[in-house]
Protein backbone atom coordinates (compact mmCIF):
# COMPACT_ATOMS: atom_id res chain seq x y z
CA MET A 1 -163.71 241.40 212.95
CA ILE A 2 -161.43 242.89 209.64
CA LEU A 3 -158.84 244.66 209.73
CA SER A 4 -158.38 246.83 206.70
CA PRO A 5 -154.82 248.25 206.66
CA HIS A 6 -156.49 252.04 204.63
CA LEU A 7 -159.61 253.22 204.07
CA ASP A 8 -161.18 251.75 201.60
CA ASP A 9 -159.82 247.66 201.89
CA ALA A 10 -162.16 245.85 203.67
CA VAL A 11 -165.16 247.09 200.46
CA LEU A 12 -162.82 246.45 198.00
CA SER A 13 -162.25 242.68 199.20
CA CYS A 14 -164.04 241.55 201.65
CA TRP A 15 -168.01 242.50 200.19
CA HIS A 16 -168.94 239.01 200.94
CA VAL A 17 -168.03 239.13 205.11
CA LEU A 18 -169.17 242.86 205.09
CA THR A 19 -172.87 241.39 203.81
CA GLY A 20 -173.15 238.35 205.47
CA PRO A 21 -175.22 237.11 208.17
CA GLU A 22 -172.84 237.45 211.40
CA GLU A 23 -172.44 240.58 213.55
CA VAL A 24 -168.83 242.25 211.83
CA ARG A 25 -166.61 244.96 212.94
CA VAL A 26 -164.26 246.76 210.73
CA ILE A 27 -160.93 248.38 212.21
CA THR A 28 -159.38 250.68 209.80
CA VAL A 29 -155.28 250.39 211.34
CA PHE A 30 -153.54 253.27 208.96
CA ALA A 31 -156.35 256.16 209.55
CA GLY A 32 -153.83 258.78 210.78
CA VAL A 33 -154.53 262.50 209.97
CA PRO A 34 -150.77 263.76 208.96
CA THR A 35 -150.11 267.17 210.02
CA GLU A 36 -146.92 268.18 209.62
CA LEU A 37 -146.68 267.32 205.89
CA THR A 38 -145.20 270.50 203.41
CA ALA A 39 -147.01 268.89 200.13
CA PRO A 40 -149.15 265.88 199.49
CA ALA A 41 -147.59 262.73 199.93
CA TRP A 42 -147.20 261.02 196.39
CA TRP A 43 -150.56 258.83 196.60
CA ASP A 44 -151.99 261.54 197.22
CA GLN A 45 -150.64 263.55 194.87
CA TYR A 46 -151.36 260.65 192.02
CA THR A 47 -154.88 261.08 192.13
CA GLY A 48 -155.15 264.92 192.83
CA ALA A 49 -154.69 266.43 196.36
CA VAL A 50 -153.39 269.26 197.21
CA ASP A 51 -153.35 268.70 200.95
CA SER A 52 -152.85 265.05 203.04
CA GLY A 53 -154.80 265.90 205.64
CA GLU A 54 -157.88 267.30 204.15
CA ARG A 55 -157.03 264.19 201.84
CA VAL A 56 -157.13 261.44 204.83
CA ARG A 57 -160.69 263.71 206.17
CA GLU A 58 -162.04 263.28 202.69
CA ARG A 59 -161.10 259.68 202.59
CA ILE A 60 -163.00 259.19 206.09
CA GLU A 61 -165.84 260.42 204.75
CA GLU A 62 -166.11 258.39 201.99
CA ASP A 63 -165.27 255.15 203.79
CA ARG A 64 -167.63 255.88 206.20
CA ARG A 65 -170.55 255.93 203.61
CA ALA A 66 -169.30 253.16 201.73
CA LEU A 67 -169.42 251.27 204.91
CA ALA A 68 -173.20 252.31 205.34
CA LEU A 69 -174.52 250.50 202.44
CA ALA A 70 -173.49 247.76 203.88
CA GLY A 71 -174.68 248.54 207.48
CA ARG A 72 -171.26 247.99 209.18
CA PRO A 73 -169.79 251.22 211.01
CA ALA A 74 -166.39 252.14 210.74
CA LEU A 75 -163.62 252.37 213.59
CA ASN A 76 -160.73 254.08 212.53
CA LEU A 77 -157.32 254.40 214.49
CA GLY A 78 -154.72 256.94 214.28
CA PHE A 79 -151.56 255.35 212.74
CA LEU A 80 -150.19 256.86 209.76
CA ASP A 81 -149.90 256.04 206.13
CA GLU A 82 -146.91 254.46 204.62
CA GLN A 83 -146.59 256.81 202.50
CA TYR A 84 -146.57 259.66 205.80
CA ARG A 85 -144.10 258.38 208.00
CA ASP A 86 -140.55 259.37 207.94
CA TYR A 87 -139.66 256.73 210.31
CA GLU A 88 -140.61 252.56 210.56
CA GLN A 89 -144.15 251.33 211.73
CA HIS A 90 -143.61 248.75 214.26
CA GLU A 91 -146.43 245.79 215.00
CA ALA A 92 -146.74 245.96 218.65
CA PRO A 93 -148.17 249.06 219.17
CA LEU A 94 -150.95 248.10 216.43
CA CYS A 95 -151.41 245.11 218.28
CA GLU A 96 -151.48 246.77 221.25
CA GLN A 97 -154.50 248.85 219.84
CA ILE A 98 -156.48 245.69 218.28
CA GLU A 99 -156.41 243.33 220.70
CA PRO A 100 -158.52 245.02 223.21
CA LEU A 101 -161.31 246.05 221.08
CA LEU A 102 -161.68 242.44 219.54
CA ALA A 103 -164.69 240.32 221.46
CA PRO A 104 -164.27 236.92 223.15
CA GLY A 105 -163.36 234.21 220.14
CA ALA A 106 -163.80 236.80 217.17
CA ARG A 107 -162.85 235.71 213.67
CA ILE A 108 -161.05 237.99 212.43
CA TYR A 109 -159.92 238.84 208.60
CA ALA A 110 -156.20 240.26 207.57
CA PRO A 111 -154.95 241.06 204.21
CA ALA A 112 -152.76 238.76 202.63
CA ALA A 113 -150.10 241.35 201.50
CA PHE A 114 -149.40 239.78 198.56
CA ALA A 115 -147.90 243.11 196.76
CA ASN A 116 -146.22 243.66 200.27
CA HIS A 117 -147.30 247.08 200.83
CA ALA A 118 -145.68 247.79 203.87
CA ASP A 119 -148.96 248.54 205.78
CA HIS A 120 -150.89 245.12 204.51
CA VAL A 121 -147.50 243.42 205.78
CA LEU A 122 -147.69 245.12 208.96
CA VAL A 123 -151.18 244.02 209.77
CA ARG A 124 -151.10 240.55 208.62
CA ALA A 125 -148.11 240.09 211.34
CA VAL A 126 -150.49 241.93 213.88
CA ALA A 127 -152.84 238.79 212.59
CA VAL A 128 -150.50 236.36 212.94
CA ARG A 129 -149.50 237.24 216.53
CA LEU A 130 -153.45 237.16 217.71
CA ARG A 131 -153.71 234.16 215.94
CA ASP A 132 -150.79 232.21 218.25
CA ALA A 133 -153.15 234.07 220.80
CA GLY A 134 -156.06 232.43 219.93
CA PHE A 135 -157.88 233.78 217.85
CA ALA A 136 -159.11 232.42 214.07
CA VAL A 137 -158.00 234.40 211.65
CA CYS A 138 -158.46 234.24 207.82
CA LEU A 139 -156.47 236.16 205.39
CA TYR A 140 -157.84 237.84 202.07
CA ALA A 141 -156.92 238.23 199.07
CA ASP A 142 -156.27 242.47 198.82
CA LEU A 143 -157.72 243.39 196.15
CA PRO A 144 -156.45 245.28 193.79
CA HIS A 145 -152.63 244.05 194.24
CA ALA A 146 -153.32 240.78 194.67
CA THR A 147 -154.52 240.87 190.69
CA VAL A 148 -151.86 242.63 189.50
CA TYR A 149 -150.93 239.68 187.16
CA GLY A 150 -154.95 238.62 187.13
CA TRP A 151 -156.42 235.38 188.94
CA PRO A 152 -155.50 232.65 189.08
CA ALA A 153 -157.54 230.16 187.07
CA TRP A 154 -158.92 228.19 189.98
CA VAL A 155 -160.26 230.99 190.91
CA LYS A 156 -162.30 231.31 187.55
CA GLY A 157 -163.38 227.29 188.24
CA LYS A 158 -161.11 226.04 185.61
CA ARG A 159 -160.37 222.29 186.95
CA ARG A 160 -156.28 222.39 186.41
CA ARG A 161 -154.30 224.66 187.26
CA GLU A 162 -152.61 225.96 183.68
CA ARG A 163 -149.06 225.64 183.15
CA MET A 164 -147.27 229.18 183.61
CA ASP A 165 -149.98 230.42 185.52
CA LEU A 166 -148.09 233.28 186.74
CA ALA A 167 -150.94 234.58 189.14
CA ALA A 168 -151.18 230.86 190.81
CA ALA A 169 -147.39 230.57 191.31
CA LEU A 170 -147.21 234.14 193.09
CA TRP A 171 -150.17 233.58 195.19
CA ASP A 172 -148.59 230.31 196.11
CA HIS A 173 -145.28 231.91 197.39
CA GLY A 174 -146.97 235.69 199.00
CA LEU A 175 -148.99 232.70 200.84
CA ALA A 176 -145.88 230.23 202.60
CA GLY A 177 -145.40 230.17 205.94
CA THR A 178 -148.25 232.13 206.98
CA GLY A 179 -150.33 228.70 207.61
CA ALA A 180 -153.10 229.60 204.90
CA PHE A 181 -154.58 226.56 203.59
CA ALA A 182 -158.42 225.61 201.89
CA PRO A 183 -158.63 228.92 200.20
CA THR A 184 -162.56 229.63 199.08
CA VAL A 185 -163.17 231.64 196.44
CA HIS A 186 -166.61 234.01 196.16
CA ALA A 187 -167.91 234.64 193.11
CA LEU A 188 -170.54 238.03 193.50
CA ASP A 189 -173.72 237.40 191.57
CA GLY A 190 -175.24 239.78 189.79
CA ASP A 191 -176.86 241.77 192.41
CA SER A 192 -173.98 241.49 195.49
CA HIS A 193 -171.66 242.87 192.48
CA GLU A 194 -173.48 245.55 191.65
CA ARG A 195 -174.07 246.29 195.31
CA LYS A 196 -170.61 246.33 195.99
CA LEU A 197 -169.40 248.54 192.51
CA ASN A 198 -172.01 251.13 194.40
CA ALA A 199 -169.88 250.64 197.78
CA VAL A 200 -167.06 251.36 195.40
CA ARG A 201 -168.33 254.36 193.73
CA MET A 202 -168.12 255.91 197.32
CA TYR A 203 -164.25 256.21 196.92
CA ARG A 204 -164.97 259.33 194.84
CA SER A 205 -161.05 260.47 195.51
CA GLN A 206 -159.79 256.65 194.64
CA LEU A 207 -161.95 255.93 191.45
CA GLN A 208 -159.71 256.65 189.02
CA GLY A 209 -156.29 255.32 190.53
CA LEU A 210 -158.03 252.63 191.69
CA GLU A 211 -159.29 252.07 187.71
CA GLU A 212 -155.58 253.01 186.99
CA PHE A 213 -153.78 250.33 188.67
CA ALA A 214 -155.96 248.22 187.74
CA GLY A 215 -156.07 248.49 184.34
CA ARG A 216 -159.53 248.68 183.36
CA SER A 217 -162.91 249.95 185.35
CA VAL A 218 -163.75 248.69 188.64
CA ALA A 219 -167.53 247.80 186.77
CA ASP A 220 -165.55 244.65 184.87
CA ARG A 221 -165.55 241.44 186.66
CA GLU A 222 -162.65 240.32 186.21
CA VAL A 223 -161.12 243.21 188.89
CA LEU A 224 -163.74 243.20 191.68
CA GLY A 225 -165.88 239.62 191.03
CA TYR A 226 -164.14 237.78 192.75
CA GLU A 227 -163.12 237.61 196.40
CA VAL A 228 -161.06 234.57 198.53
CA GLU A 229 -160.24 233.87 201.85
CA TRP A 230 -157.91 231.43 203.23
CA ALA A 231 -158.36 229.97 207.24
CA THR A 232 -154.73 229.95 208.49
CA VAL A 233 -153.09 227.28 211.31
CA SER A 234 -149.95 228.19 213.37
CA PRO A 235 -146.54 226.93 211.68
CA ALA A 236 -146.76 223.77 214.40
CA ARG A 237 -150.15 222.53 213.70
CA ALA A 238 -149.69 222.88 209.52
CA VAL A 239 -146.79 220.45 210.15
CA GLN A 240 -149.51 217.81 212.26
CA ARG A 241 -151.24 218.40 209.86
CA GLU A 242 -148.84 217.83 207.06
CA GLY A 243 -148.23 214.88 209.02
CA ARG A 244 -151.65 212.95 209.44
CA ARG A 245 -151.97 213.09 205.30
CA LEU A 246 -149.02 210.92 205.15
């Protein structure tokens, strides 16, 4: 099960999971259509929308088409994206809706929330709750937020961590306290990368904004050519793991 905060995160960050051999479902958490705005919200306005409700409906269709290229259906929840809220969203209601949708023994993929986007942080918190309830949880590097300062050297196969590797330091800081360990890097081969790009191009309303955020074309392997995930354990088990190493 991939927990996708927004209507593109699963494709941007978990293409290797979407195209893997196992059964996969995607739950997009913040896919609610705003009905009370008098003007488009900031990101919608930035990407050229004139009506946020229409933009969300457009994005739902874009996401459906993108996921269909991987043969996966979309399941959208009605929570509002942070840009549409004028209230504090708590994690408990999210957990109450998501947990009944999970099959027993499901493995959950959730964003690492490296850039501290409020919606990504909430979804990660839900995943931690579900881990404590007995589900296996992996965190994924949420793109393009995770690579504002580029990829850590180790992601690209460099054996030694470079001095002053800001990207690596920020990842370490962002993962502190999450129980994340044993990262797995997925370097997409040419065919997988091209298939992913075809899916990403379905997000026509978002494409220019994504490229401006990343500072380069999405076709550049530096943007979407790698994906990273971490297995996680509860804090108590993490302490036990460290104890066994001593």
